[in-house]
Amino acid sequence: MVREKVAVSTRTLQWKCVESRVDSKRLYYGRFILSPLRKGQADTIGISMRRVLLGEIEGTCITRAKFDKIPHEYSTIVGIEESVHEILMNLKEIVLRSNLYGTCDASICVKGPGYVTSQDIILPPYVKIVDNTQHIASLTEPIDFCIGLQIERNRGYRIKSPNSFQDRSYPIDAVFMPVRNANHSIHSYGNGNEKQEILFLEIWTNGSLTPKEALHEASRNLIDLFIPFLHTEEEDFHLEDNQHKTTLPLFYFHEKLTKLRKKKKIALKYIFIDQLELPPRIYNCLKRSNIYTLFDLLNNTQEDLMKIEHFRIEDVKKILDILEKAFGN
């Protein structure tokens, strides 16, 4: 546990972590302060941050499991203590950390007798297990225990539907939320018109993110939500005055793709756009358009990118500068 004395500054707005601890592999706690704030600001920030922390942060879960020759979810398997339903419930509890976009496959293949835990899951390199002691099944006989798994990164909570059973694969209720709980409280000090506030934020996570990482992610998400308002006047101007539209140069990203492939062998599918140090607004626009990797980006023409909502010609130039700096040598 780390504790620090709270020092109130009256000069500039500052934030600080005043307490941090790890209660277990799947329970992290952090307490943060932001001060000095004017009266009413602490509640505004605290409510917004709590909503984003609990509902907007992405997490990674096992969302489907496939068993061979199993007729239904409540079947029992000879040589295994748990039913299929109990195994699915154990898989639901596994906490994963990843930079995955979308879905990927994983598997378990173990020969009994013995215990099957989360460390027996064969994962792609960009997915990590937070607690490798999580129990999955108990094998009482020398049988082969093999399961195919689907892993997904998303947000919120997803309840399996009755129509989602297919090809002997079974959906799993997914809790994508890495933040288990978040609270805020306010301390006021000063008198009359000089009254100021300190905002205290408490964050509990499941270990896939630290509370500090969750706080940073929530802050970025809030900023992204407000960015479109910064460009409303500029966009309204272009809508009203069509005769001053910018003519796009005839440059296509396919040319850049060809040059990159000639210069060096780059695994484009495994270079994600968040590794390119793009400005937050550009990154957010691309992500909303399902552009996650450098391969996705370079397979779009400049005209395709300009069709993205809130995307501008300056953004295309910025991306080209970043690509040239990163891969131009």
C-alpha atoms as a PDB file:
ATOM      1  CA  MET A   1       0.000   0.000   0.000  1.00  0.00           C
ATOM      2  CA  VAL A   2       1.159   3.511  -0.811  1.00  0.00           C
ATOM      3  CA  ARG A   3      -0.201   6.541   1.034  1.00  0.00           C
ATOM      4  CA  GLU A   4       0.701  10.165   0.559  1.00  0.00           C
ATOM      5  CA  LYS A   5      -0.294  13.228   2.539  1.00  0.00           C
ATOM      6  CA  VAL A   6      -2.813  15.398   0.684  1.00  0.00           C
ATOM      7  CA  ALA A   7      -1.409  18.832  -0.008  1.00  0.00           C
ATOM      8  CA  VAL A   8      -3.881  21.452  -1.264  1.00  0.00           C
ATOM      9  CA  SER A   9      -2.551  23.836  -3.892  1.00  0.00           C
ATOM     10  CA  THR A  10      -4.326  27.135  -4.483  1.00  0.00           C
ATOM     11  CA  ARG A  11      -2.245  28.123  -7.514  1.00  0.00           C
ATOM     12  CA  THR A  12      -2.823  25.632 -10.335  1.00  0.00           C
ATOM     13  CA  LEU A  13      -5.190  22.714 -10.953  1.00  0.00           C
ATOM     14  CA  GLN A  14      -3.412  19.482 -10.022  1.00  0.00           C
ATOM     15  CA  TRP A  15      -4.232  15.801  -9.696  1.00  0.00           C
ATOM     16  CA  LYS A  16      -2.459  13.229  -7.572  1.00  0.00           C
ATOM     17  CA  CYS A  17      -2.661   9.563  -6.547  1.00  0.00           C
ATOM     18  CA  VAL A  18      -2.881   9.553  -2.749  1.00  0.00           C
ATOM     19  CA  GLU A  19      -3.441   5.825  -2.187  1.00  0.00           C
ATOM     20  CA  SER A  20      -2.669   2.734  -4.245  1.00  0.00           C
ATOM     21  CA  ARG A  21      -2.844  -0.929  -3.314  1.00  0.00           C
ATOM     22  CA  VAL A  22      -3.216  -4.427  -4.763  1.00  0.00           C
ATOM     23  CA  ASP A  23      -5.689  -6.465  -2.716  1.00  0.00           C
ATOM     24  CA  SER A  24      -5.355  -9.504  -5.007  1.00  0.00           C
ATOM     25  CA  LYS A  25      -4.454 -10.353  -8.598  1.00  0.00           C
ATOM     26  CA  ARG A  26      -8.017  -9.438  -9.587  1.00  0.00           C
ATOM     27  CA  LEU A  27      -8.634  -6.455  -7.333  1.00  0.00           C
ATOM     28  CA  TYR A  28      -6.681  -3.196  -7.573  1.00  0.00           C
ATOM     29  CA  TYR A  29      -7.565  -0.012  -5.719  1.00  0.00           C
ATOM     30  CA  GLY A  30      -6.577   3.610  -6.300  1.00  0.00           C
ATOM     31  CA  ARG A  31      -7.601   6.932  -4.740  1.00  0.00           C
ATOM     32  CA  PHE A  32      -6.983  10.200  -6.553  1.00  0.00           C
ATOM     33  CA  ILE A  33      -7.548  13.908  -5.893  1.00  0.00           C
ATOM     34  CA  LEU A  34      -8.075  16.879  -8.184  1.00  0.00           C
ATOM     35  CA  SER A  35      -7.823  20.408  -6.789  1.00  0.00           C
ATOM     36  CA  PRO A  36      -8.414  23.305  -6.415  1.00  0.00           C
ATOM     37  CA  LEU A  37     -11.843  23.449  -8.089  1.00  0.00           C
ATOM     38  CA  ARG A  38     -14.490  26.135  -7.999  1.00  0.00           C
ATOM     39  CA  LYS A  39     -17.771  25.396  -6.291  1.00  0.00           C
ATOM     40  CA  GLY A  40     -19.833  22.916  -8.344  1.00  0.00           C
ATOM     41  CA  GLN A  41     -16.991  21.777 -10.600  1.00  0.00           C
ATOM     42  CA  ALA A  42     -16.062  18.756  -8.470  1.00  0.00           C
ATOM     43  CA  ASP A  43     -19.543  17.256  -8.754  1.00  0.00           C
ATOM     44  CA  THR A  44     -19.651  17.850 -12.526  1.00  0.00           C
ATOM     45  CA  ILE A  45     -16.307  16.113 -13.067  1.00  0.00           C
ATOM     46  CA  GLY A  46     -16.960  13.357 -10.532  1.00  0.00           C
ATOM     47  CA  ILE A  47     -20.308  12.291 -12.006  1.00  0.00           C
ATOM     48  CA  SER A  48     -18.942  12.312 -15.579  1.00  0.00           C
ATOM     49  CA  MET A  49     -15.815  10.352 -14.669  1.00  0.00           C
ATOM     50  CA  ARG A  50     -17.774   7.732 -12.741  1.00  0.00           C
ATOM     51  CA  ARG A  51     -20.142   7.142 -15.675  1.00  0.00           C
ATOM     52  CA  VAL A  52     -17.272   6.775 -18.147  1.00  0.00           C
ATOM     53  CA  LEU A  53     -15.211   4.584 -15.816  1.00  0.00           C
ATOM     54  CA  LEU A  54     -18.099   2.144 -15.330  1.00  0.00           C
ATOM     55  CA  GLY A  55     -19.527   2.134 -18.852  1.00  0.00           C
ATOM     56  CA  GLU A  56     -17.008   3.273 -21.467  1.00  0.00           C
ATOM     57  CA  ILE A  57     -13.720   1.538 -20.647  1.00  0.00           C
ATOM     58  CA  GLU A  58     -13.019  -1.473 -22.872  1.00  0.00           C
ATOM     59  CA  GLY A  59     -12.151  -4.900 -21.511  1.00  0.00           C
ATOM     60  CA  THR A  60     -11.339  -8.369 -22.854  1.00  0.00           C
ATOM     61  CA  CYS A  61     -13.414 -11.514 -22.163  1.00  0.00           C
ATOM     62  CA  ILE A  62     -13.992 -15.070 -23.327  1.00  0.00           C
ATOM     63  CA  THR A  63     -17.343 -14.846 -25.112  1.00  0.00           C
ATOM     64  CA  ARG A  64     -17.807 -18.327 -26.602  1.00  0.00           C
ATOM     65  CA  ALA A  65     -16.623 -21.904 -26.008  1.00  0.00           C
ATOM     66  CA  LYS A  66     -16.896 -24.848 -28.380  1.00  0.00           C
ATOM     67  CA  PHE A  67     -17.046 -28.478 -27.178  1.00  0.00           C
ATOM     68  CA  ASP A  68     -16.991 -31.436 -29.561  1.00  0.00           C
ATOM     69  CA  LYS A  69     -19.908 -33.894 -29.365  1.00  0.00           C
ATOM     70  CA  ILE A  70     -21.722 -32.121 -26.522  1.00  0.00           C
ATOM     71  CA  PRO A  71     -25.504 -32.009 -27.159  1.00  0.00           C
ATOM     72  CA  HIS A  72     -26.413 -29.131 -24.814  1.00  0.00           C
ATOM     73  CA  GLU A  73     -25.084 -26.727 -22.178  1.00  0.00           C
ATOM     74  CA  TYR A  74     -26.227 -28.790 -19.192  1.00  0.00           C
ATOM     75  CA  SER A  75     -24.566 -32.010 -20.328  1.00  0.00           C
ATOM     76  CA  THR A  76     -22.104 -33.892 -18.143  1.00  0.00           C
ATOM     77  CA  ILE A  77     -18.853 -35.280 -19.523  1.00  0.00           C
ATOM     78  CA  VAL A  78     -17.438 -38.630 -18.381  1.00  0.00           C
ATOM     79  CA  GLY A  79     -14.190 -38.060 -16.491  1.00  0.00           C
ATOM     80  CA  ILE A  80     -14.917 -34.410 -15.598  1.00  0.00           C
ATOM     81  CA  GLU A  81     -16.395 -33.356 -12.259  1.00  0.00           C
ATOM     82  CA  GLU A  82     -18.014 -30.189 -13.608  1.00  0.00           C
ATOM     83  CA  SER A  83     -20.914 -29.967 -16.038  1.00  0.00           C
ATOM     84  CA  VAL A  84     -20.553 -27.966 -19.241  1.00  0.00           C
ATOM     85  CA  HIS A  85     -22.539 -25.154 -17.614  1.00  0.00           C
ATOM     86  CA  GLU A  86     -20.142 -25.020 -14.641  1.00  0.00           C
ATOM     87  CA  ILE A  87     -17.140 -24.936 -16.985  1.00  0.00           C
ATOM     88  CA  LEU A  88     -18.701 -22.013 -18.858  1.00  0.00           C
ATOM     89  CA  MET A  89     -19.229 -20.162 -15.564  1.00  0.00           C
ATOM     90  CA  ASN A  90     -15.561 -20.708 -14.672  1.00  0.00           C
ATOM     91  CA  LEU A  91     -14.470 -19.391 -18.082  1.00  0.00           C
ATOM     92  CA  LYS A  92     -16.590 -16.287 -17.487  1.00  0.00           C
ATOM     93  CA  GLU A  93     -14.498 -15.453 -14.389  1.00  0.00           C
ATOM     94  CA  ILE A  94     -11.177 -15.401 -16.257  1.00  0.00           C
ATOM     95  CA  VAL A  95      -9.678 -11.903 -16.477  1.00  0.00           C
ATOM     96  CA  LEU A  96      -7.674 -11.019 -19.600  1.00  0.00           C
ATOM     97  CA  ARG A  97      -5.545  -8.037 -20.574  1.00  0.00           C
ATOM     98  CA  SER A  98      -4.987  -7.219 -24.247  1.00  0.00           C
ATOM     99  CA  ASN A  99      -4.608  -4.626 -26.978  1.00  0.00           C
ATOM    100  CA  LEU A 100      -6.923  -6.731 -29.131  1.00  0.00           C
ATOM    101  CA  TYR A 101      -9.372  -5.114 -31.556  1.00  0.00           C
ATOM    102  CA  GLY A 102     -12.440  -7.208 -32.336  1.00  0.00           C
ATOM    103  CA  THR A 103     -12.179 -10.976 -31.755  1.00  0.00           C
ATOM    104  CA  CYS A 104      -9.547 -13.696 -31.806  1.00  0.00           C
ATOM    105  CA  ASP A 105      -9.371 -17.447 -31.165  1.00  0.00           C
ATOM    106  CA  ALA A 106      -7.773 -19.402 -28.323  1.00  0.00           C
ATOM    107  CA  SER A 107      -7.903 -22.996 -27.124  1.00  0.00           C
ATOM    108  CA  ILE A 108      -7.399 -25.456 -24.284  1.00  0.00           C
ATOM    109  CA  CYS A 109      -6.091 -28.985 -24.833  1.00  0.00           C
ATOM    110  CA  VAL A 110      -5.125 -30.936 -21.701  1.00  0.00           C
ATOM    111  CA  LYS A 111      -4.872 -34.648 -20.932  1.00  0.00           C
ATOM    112  CA  GLY A 112      -6.189 -35.849 -17.564  1.00  0.00           C
ATOM    113  CA  PRO A 113      -6.195 -36.643 -14.783  1.00  0.00           C
ATOM    114  CA  GLY A 114      -5.517 -33.288 -13.167  1.00  0.00           C
ATOM    115  CA  TYR A 115      -6.802 -29.759 -12.775  1.00  0.00           C
ATOM    116  CA  VAL A 116      -7.355 -27.390 -15.696  1.00  0.00           C
ATOM    117  CA  THR A 117      -6.665 -23.728 -14.900  1.00  0.00           C
ATOM    118  CA  SER A 118      -6.423 -20.522 -16.884  1.00  0.00           C
ATOM    119  CA  GLN A 119      -2.683 -21.051 -17.404  1.00  0.00           C
ATOM    120  CA  ASP A 120      -3.575 -23.960 -19.728  1.00  0.00           C
ATOM    121  CA  ILE A 121      -5.237 -21.605 -22.245  1.00  0.00           C
ATOM    122  CA  ILE A 122      -3.231 -21.230 -25.443  1.00  0.00           C
ATOM    123  CA  LEU A 123      -3.449 -17.516 -26.305  1.00  0.00           C
ATOM    124  CA  PRO A 124      -2.155 -15.230 -29.052  1.00  0.00           C
ATOM    125  CA  PRO A 125       0.842 -13.116 -27.902  1.00  0.00           C
ATOM    126  CA  TYR A 126      -1.193  -9.900 -27.548  1.00  0.00           C
ATOM    127  CA  VAL A 127      -3.547 -11.403 -24.925  1.00  0.00           C
ATOM    128  CA  LYS A 128      -2.374 -12.014 -21.342  1.00  0.00           C
ATOM    129  CA  ILE A 129      -3.990 -13.789 -18.388  1.00  0.00           C
ATOM    130  CA  VAL A 130      -4.202 -11.695 -15.214  1.00  0.00           C
ATOM    131  CA  ASP A 131      -4.651 -14.623 -12.795  1.00  0.00           C
ATOM    132  CA  ASN A 132      -3.360 -17.955 -14.106  1.00  0.00           C
ATOM    133  CA  THR A 133      -4.675 -19.868 -11.067  1.00  0.00           C
ATOM    134  CA  GLN A 134      -8.360 -19.492 -12.029  1.00  0.00           C
ATOM    135  CA  HIS A 135      -9.966 -22.961 -11.924  1.00  0.00           C
ATOM    136  CA  ILE A 136     -11.724 -24.276 -15.050  1.00  0.00           C
ATOM    137  CA  ALA A 137     -12.276 -28.027 -14.610  1.00  0.00           C
ATOM    138  CA  SER A 138     -11.210 -31.141 -12.667  1.00  0.00           C
ATOM    139  CA  LEU A 139     -10.291 -34.157 -14.787  1.00  0.00           C
ATOM    140  CA  THR A 140     -10.666 -37.475 -12.904  1.00  0.00           C
ATOM    141  CA  GLU A 141      -9.727 -39.839 -15.757  1.00  0.00           C
ATOM    142  CA  PRO A 142      -7.057 -39.940 -18.511  1.00  0.00           C
ATOM    143  CA  ILE A 143      -9.227 -38.164 -21.086  1.00  0.00           C
ATOM    144  CA  ASP A 144      -8.419 -35.444 -23.618  1.00  0.00           C
ATOM    145  CA  PHE A 145     -10.037 -32.161 -22.617  1.00  0.00           C
ATOM    146  CA  CYS A 146     -10.155 -29.824 -25.640  1.00  0.00           C
ATOM    147  CA  ILE A 147     -12.142 -26.606 -26.005  1.00  0.00           C
ATOM    148  CA  GLY A 148     -12.083 -23.889 -28.666  1.00  0.00           C
ATOM    149  CA  LEU A 149     -12.493 -20.356 -27.310  1.00  0.00           C
ATOM    150  CA  GLN A 150     -13.462 -17.011 -28.775  1.00  0.00           C
ATOM    151  CA  ILE A 151     -12.012 -13.896 -27.134  1.00  0.00           C
ATOM    152  CA  GLU A 152     -13.389 -10.412 -27.689  1.00  0.00           C
ATOM    153  CA  ARG A 153     -12.555  -6.882 -26.636  1.00  0.00           C
ATOM    154  CA  ASN A 154     -15.560  -4.619 -26.118  1.00  0.00           C
ATOM    155  CA  ARG A 155     -17.315  -2.510 -23.493  1.00  0.00           C
ATOM    156  CA  GLY A 156     -20.269  -2.881 -21.148  1.00  0.00           C
ATOM    157  CA  TYR A 157     -22.117  -6.112 -20.412  1.00  0.00           C
ATOM    158  CA  ARG A 158     -23.527  -8.672 -22.846  1.00  0.00           C
ATOM    159  CA  ILE A 159     -26.102 -11.299 -21.921  1.00  0.00           C
ATOM    160  CA  LYS A 160     -26.193 -14.411 -24.094  1.00  0.00           C
ATOM    161  CA  SER A 161     -29.355 -14.828 -26.139  1.00  0.00           C
ATOM    162  CA  PRO A 162     -31.257 -18.113 -26.675  1.00  0.00           C
ATOM    163  CA  ASN A 163     -30.600 -17.940 -30.430  1.00  0.00           C
ATOM    164  CA  SER A 164     -26.817 -17.632 -30.132  1.00  0.00           C
ATOM    165  CA  PHE A 165     -26.051 -21.366 -29.821  1.00  0.00           C
ATOM    166  CA  GLN A 166     -24.418 -22.703 -32.966  1.00  0.00           C
ATOM    167  CA  ASP A 167     -22.138 -25.535 -34.123  1.00  0.00           C
ATOM    168  CA  ARG A 168     -21.895 -26.943 -30.579  1.00  0.00           C
ATOM    169  CA  SER A 169     -20.437 -23.640 -29.417  1.00  0.00           C
ATOM    170  CA  TYR A 170     -21.904 -21.949 -26.382  1.00  0.00           C
ATOM    171  CA  PRO A 171     -22.015 -18.197 -25.707  1.00  0.00           C
ATOM    172  CA  ILE A 172     -20.807 -16.865 -22.355  1.00  0.00           C
ATOM    173  CA  ASP A 173     -22.202 -13.811 -20.568  1.00  0.00           C
ATOM    174  CA  ALA A 174     -19.477 -11.206 -21.016  1.00  0.00           C
ATOM    175  CA  VAL A 175     -18.547  -8.571 -18.443  1.00  0.00           C
ATOM    176  CA  PHE A 176     -16.178  -6.374 -20.443  1.00  0.00           C
ATOM    177  CA  MET A 177     -15.961  -3.733 -17.692  1.00  0.00           C
ATOM    178  CA  PRO A 178     -12.464  -3.690 -16.134  1.00  0.00           C
ATOM    179  CA  VAL A 179     -13.605  -1.126 -13.537  1.00  0.00           C
ATOM    180  CA  ARG A 180     -15.537  -2.950 -10.822  1.00  0.00           C
ATOM    181  CA  ASN A 181     -16.572   0.144  -8.884  1.00  0.00           C
ATOM    182  CA  ALA A 182     -15.964   3.890  -8.812  1.00  0.00           C
ATOM    183  CA  ASN A 183     -16.952   6.517  -6.254  1.00  0.00           C
ATOM    184  CA  HIS A 184     -16.383  10.224  -5.891  1.00  0.00           C
ATOM    185  CA  SER A 185     -16.556  12.523  -2.887  1.00  0.00           C
ATOM    186  CA  ILE A 186     -16.012  16.247  -2.362  1.00  0.00           C
ATOM    187  CA  HIS A 187     -14.201  18.206   0.340  1.00  0.00           C
ATOM    188  CA  SER A 188     -14.944  21.949   0.524  1.00  0.00           C
ATOM    189  CA  TYR A 189     -12.719  24.552   2.168  1.00  0.00           C
ATOM    190  CA  GLY A 190     -12.548  28.329   2.372  1.00  0.00           C
ATOM    191  CA  ASN A 191     -15.278  30.893   3.110  1.00  0.00           C
ATOM    192  CA  GLY A 192     -17.858  32.795   1.065  1.00  0.00           C
ATOM    193  CA  ASN A 193     -16.861  33.614  -2.490  1.00  0.00           C
ATOM    194  CA  GLU A 194     -13.412  32.113  -1.890  1.00  0.00           C
ATOM    195  CA  LYS A 195     -14.841  28.619  -1.270  1.00  0.00           C
ATOM    196  CA  GLN A 196     -13.065  25.866  -3.224  1.00  0.00           C
ATOM    197  CA  GLU A 197     -13.391  22.111  -3.583  1.00  0.00           C
ATOM    198  CA  ILE A 198     -11.225  18.992  -3.709  1.00  0.00           C
ATOM    199  CA  LEU A 199     -12.507  16.045  -5.749  1.00  0.00           C
ATOM    200  CA  PHE A 200     -11.671  12.549  -4.450  1.00  0.00           C
ATOM    201  CA  LEU A 201     -12.003   9.634  -6.913  1.00  0.00           C
ATOM    202  CA  GLU A 202     -11.875   5.995  -5.773  1.00  0.00           C
ATOM    203  CA  ILE A 203     -11.423   3.292  -8.430  1.00  0.00           C
ATOM    204  CA  TRP A 204     -11.468  -0.503  -8.104  1.00  0.00           C
ATOM    205  CA  THR A 205     -10.382  -2.588 -11.140  1.00  0.00           C
ATOM    206  CA  ASN A 206     -10.208  -6.311 -11.929  1.00  0.00           C
ATOM    207  CA  GLY A 207      -6.437  -6.241 -12.533  1.00  0.00           C
ATOM    208  CA  SER A 208      -6.573  -6.012 -16.326  1.00  0.00           C
ATOM    209  CA  LEU A 209      -6.009  -2.271 -15.879  1.00  0.00           C
ATOM    210  CA  THR A 210      -4.539  -0.389 -12.956  1.00  0.00           C
ATOM    211  CA  PRO A 211      -6.763   2.365 -11.491  1.00  0.00           C
ATOM    212  CA  LYS A 212      -4.355   4.953 -12.935  1.00  0.00           C
ATOM    213  CA  GLU A 213      -4.626   3.426 -16.424  1.00  0.00           C
ATOM    214  CA  ALA A 214      -8.425   3.368 -16.089  1.00  0.00           C
ATOM    215  CA  LEU A 215      -8.416   7.046 -15.083  1.00  0.00           C
ATOM    216  CA  HIS A 216      -6.318   7.985 -18.114  1.00  0.00           C
ATOM    217  CA  GLU A 217      -8.534   5.943 -20.459  1.00  0.00           C
ATOM    218  CA  ALA A 218     -11.702   7.521 -19.064  1.00  0.00           C
ATOM    219  CA  SER A 219     -10.209  10.992 -19.478  1.00  0.00           C
ATOM    220  CA  ARG A 220      -9.335  10.307 -23.131  1.00  0.00           C
ATOM    221  CA  ASN A 221     -12.845   9.006 -23.792  1.00  0.00           C
ATOM    222  CA  LEU A 222     -14.402  12.149 -22.318  1.00  0.00           C
ATOM    223  CA  ILE A 223     -12.111  14.376 -24.408  1.00  0.00           C
ATOM    224  CA  ASP A 224     -13.044  12.445 -27.572  1.00  0.00           C
ATOM    225  CA  LEU A 225     -16.748  13.010 -26.874  1.00  0.00           C
ATOM    226  CA  PHE A 226     -16.319  16.787 -26.829  1.00  0.00           C
ATOM    227  CA  ILE A 227     -13.884  17.163 -29.737  1.00  0.00           C
ATOM    228  CA  PRO A 228     -16.644  17.460 -32.420  1.00  0.00           C
ATOM    229  CA  PHE A 229     -17.954  20.607 -30.697  1.00  0.00           C
ATOM    230  CA  LEU A 230     -14.589  22.299 -31.249  1.00  0.00           C
ATOM    231  CA  HIS A 231     -15.101  22.144 -35.026  1.00  0.00           C
ATOM    232  CA  THR A 232     -18.774  23.042 -35.374  1.00  0.00           C
ATOM    233  CA  GLU A 233     -18.185  26.574 -36.680  1.00  0.00           C
ATOM    234  CA  GLU A 234     -15.676  25.414 -39.267  1.00  0.00           C
ATOM    235  CA  GLU A 235     -17.971  22.638 -40.516  1.00  0.00           C
ATOM    236  CA  ASP A 236     -21.015  24.950 -40.663  1.00  0.00           C
ATOM    237  CA  PHE A 237     -18.994  27.386 -42.761  1.00  0.00           C
ATOM    238  CA  HIS A 238     -18.138  24.721 -45.340  1.00  0.00           C
ATOM    239  CA  LEU A 239     -21.762  23.588 -45.510  1.00  0.00           C
ATOM    240  CA  GLU A 240     -23.038  27.105 -46.198  1.00  0.00           C
ATOM    241  CA  ASP A 241     -20.305  28.193 -48.578  1.00  0.00           C
ATOM    242  CA  ASN A 242     -19.924  25.338 -51.066  1.00  0.00           C
ATOM    243  CA  GLN A 243     -17.980  27.417 -53.593  1.00  0.00           C
ATOM    244  CA  HIS A 244     -14.949  27.488 -51.289  1.00  0.00           C
ATOM    245  CA  LYS A 245     -14.556  23.718 -50.938  1.00  0.00           C
ATOM    246  CA  THR A 246     -11.006  22.345 -50.956  1.00  0.00           C
ATOM    247  CA  THR A 247     -10.075  20.212 -53.967  1.00  0.00           C
ATOM    248  CA  LEU A 248      -8.367  17.025 -52.821  1.00  0.00           C
ATOM    249  CA  PRO A 249      -5.002  16.195 -54.369  1.00  0.00           C
ATOM    250  CA  LEU A 250      -4.897  12.925 -56.300  1.00  0.00           C
ATOM    251  CA  PHE A 251      -2.833  11.057 -53.736  1.00  0.00           C
ATOM    252  CA  TYR A 252      -3.851   7.564 -52.720  1.00  0.00           C
ATOM    253  CA  PHE A 253      -2.703   5.595 -49.738  1.00  0.00           C
ATOM    254  CA  HIS A 254      -2.074   2.615 -52.030  1.00  0.00           C
ATOM    255  CA  GLU A 255       1.052   4.441 -53.214  1.00  0.00           C
ATOM    256  CA  LYS A 256       2.277   4.743 -49.649  1.00  0.00           C
ATOM    257  CA  LEU A 257       1.526   1.055 -49.070  1.00  0.00           C
ATOM    258  CA  THR A 258       3.608   0.086 -52.123  1.00  0.00           C
ATOM    259  CA  LYS A 259       6.534   2.233 -50.981  1.00  0.00           C
ATOM    260  CA  LEU A 260       6.461   0.796 -47.472  1.00  0.00           C
ATOM    261  CA  ARG A 261       6.464  -2.772 -48.754  1.00  0.00           C
ATOM    262  CA  LYS A 262       9.418  -2.030 -51.056  1.00  0.00           C
ATOM    263  CA  LYS A 263      11.492  -0.412 -48.324  1.00  0.00           C
ATOM    264  CA  LYS A 264      11.124  -3.035 -45.604  1.00  0.00           C
ATOM    265  CA  LYS A 265       9.068  -6.032 -44.588  1.00  0.00           C
ATOM    266  CA  ILE A 266       6.468  -4.677 -42.212  1.00  0.00           C
ATOM    267  CA  ALA A 267       3.793  -6.828 -40.541  1.00  0.00           C
ATOM    268  CA  LEU A 268       1.100  -4.280 -41.307  1.00  0.00           C
ATOM    269  CA  LYS A 269      -1.705  -6.323 -39.742  1.00  0.00           C
ATOM    270  CA  TYR A 270       0.079  -6.270 -36.373  1.00  0.00           C
ATOM    271  CA  ILE A 271       0.892  -2.566 -36.241  1.00  0.00           C
ATOM    272  CA  PHE A 272      -2.082  -0.910 -34.540  1.00  0.00           C
ATOM    273  CA  ILE A 273      -2.966   2.736 -35.124  1.00  0.00           C
ATOM    274  CA  ASP A 274      -2.518   3.522 -31.427  1.00  0.00           C
ATOM    275  CA  GLN A 275       1.200   2.809 -31.947  1.00  0.00           C
ATOM    276  CA  LEU A 276       1.463   5.642 -34.489  1.00  0.00           C
ATOM    277  CA  GLU A 277       1.112   8.461 -31.909  1.00  0.00           C
ATOM    278  CA  LEU A 278      -1.832   9.962 -33.788  1.00  0.00           C
ATOM    279  CA  PRO A 279      -3.646  12.993 -32.308  1.00  0.00           C
ATOM    280  CA  PRO A 280      -6.625  11.858 -30.186  1.00  0.00           C
ATOM    281  CA  ARG A 281      -9.264  13.245 -32.566  1.00  0.00           C
ATOM    282  CA  ILE A 282      -7.785  11.502 -35.634  1.00  0.00           C
ATOM    283  CA  TYR A 283      -7.360   8.245 -33.692  1.00  0.00           C
ATOM    284  CA  ASN A 284     -10.974   8.409 -32.520  1.00  0.00           C
ATOM    285  CA  CYS A 285     -12.302   9.027 -36.064  1.00  0.00           C
ATOM    286  CA  LEU A 286     -10.358   6.071 -37.465  1.00  0.00           C
ATOM    287  CA  LYS A 287     -11.397   3.757 -34.648  1.00  0.00           C
ATOM    288  CA  ARG A 288     -15.084   4.605 -35.111  1.00  0.00           C
ATOM    289  CA  SER A 289     -14.685   3.646 -38.782  1.00  0.00           C
ATOM    290  CA  ASN A 290     -13.276   0.205 -37.875  1.00  0.00           C
ATOM    291  CA  ILE A 291      -9.732   1.144 -38.875  1.00  0.00           C
ATOM    292  CA  TYR A 292      -7.580  -0.559 -36.252  1.00  0.00           C
ATOM    293  CA  THR A 293      -4.281  -1.464 -37.913  1.00  0.00           C
ATOM    294  CA  LEU A 294      -1.824   0.082 -40.345  1.00  0.00           C
ATOM    295  CA  PHE A 295      -3.047  -2.470 -42.896  1.00  0.00           C
ATOM    296  CA  ASP A 296      -6.626  -1.187 -42.511  1.00  0.00           C
ATOM    297  CA  LEU A 297      -5.450   2.399 -42.837  1.00  0.00           C
ATOM    298  CA  LEU A 298      -3.368   1.916 -45.970  1.00  0.00           C
ATOM    299  CA  ASN A 299      -6.143  -0.038 -47.680  1.00  0.00           C
ATOM    300  CA  ASN A 300      -8.246   3.136 -47.728  1.00  0.00           C
ATOM    301  CA  THR A 301      -7.822   5.822 -50.345  1.00  0.00           C
ATOM    302  CA  GLN A 302      -7.632   9.429 -49.323  1.00  0.00           C
ATOM    303  CA  GLU A 303     -11.155   9.906 -50.667  1.00  0.00           C
ATOM    304  CA  ASP A 304     -12.355   7.040 -48.428  1.00  0.00           C
ATOM    305  CA  LEU A 305     -10.872   8.734 -45.395  1.00  0.00           C
ATOM    306  CA  MET A 306     -12.436  12.060 -46.263  1.00  0.00           C
ATOM    307  CA  LYS A 307     -15.875  10.421 -46.089  1.00  0.00           C
ATOM    308  CA  ILE A 308     -15.318   9.744 -42.367  1.00  0.00           C
ATOM    309  CA  GLU A 309     -17.360  12.021 -40.147  1.00  0.00           C
ATOM    310  CA  HIS A 310     -15.337  14.955 -38.732  1.00  0.00           C
ATOM    311  CA  PHE A 311     -12.287  14.004 -40.854  1.00  0.00           C
ATOM    312  CA  ARG A 312     -10.473  16.840 -42.668  1.00  0.00           C
ATOM    313  CA  ILE A 313      -7.799  17.283 -45.326  1.00  0.00           C
ATOM    314  CA  GLU A 314      -5.384  18.447 -42.612  1.00  0.00           C
ATOM    315  CA  ASP A 315      -5.827  15.075 -40.907  1.00  0.00           C
ATOM    316  CA  VAL A 316      -4.722  13.232 -44.058  1.00  0.00           C
ATOM    317  CA  LYS A 317      -1.595  15.390 -44.230  1.00  0.00           C
ATOM    318  CA  LYS A 318      -0.892  14.744 -40.549  1.00  0.00           C
ATOM    319  CA  ILE A 319      -1.180  10.959 -41.048  1.00  0.00           C
ATOM    320  CA  LEU A 320       1.190  11.116 -44.022  1.00  0.00           C
ATOM    321  CA  ASP A 321       3.735  13.069 -41.966  1.00  0.00           C
ATOM    322  CA  ILE A 322       3.558  10.509 -39.156  1.00  0.00           C
ATOM    323  CA  LEU A 323       3.909   7.569 -41.559  1.00  0.00           C
ATOM    324  CA  GLU A 324       6.851   9.221 -43.309  1.00  0.00           C
ATOM    325  CA  LYS A 325       8.544   9.857 -39.979  1.00  0.00           C
ATOM    326  CA  ALA A 326       7.955   6.309 -38.734  1.00  0.00           C
ATOM    327  CA  PHE A 327       8.651   4.296 -41.895  1.00  0.00           C
ATOM    328  CA  GLY A 328      10.233   6.681 -44.372  1.00  0.00           C
ATOM    329  CA  ASN A 329      13.842   5.666 -43.745  1.00  0.00           C
END
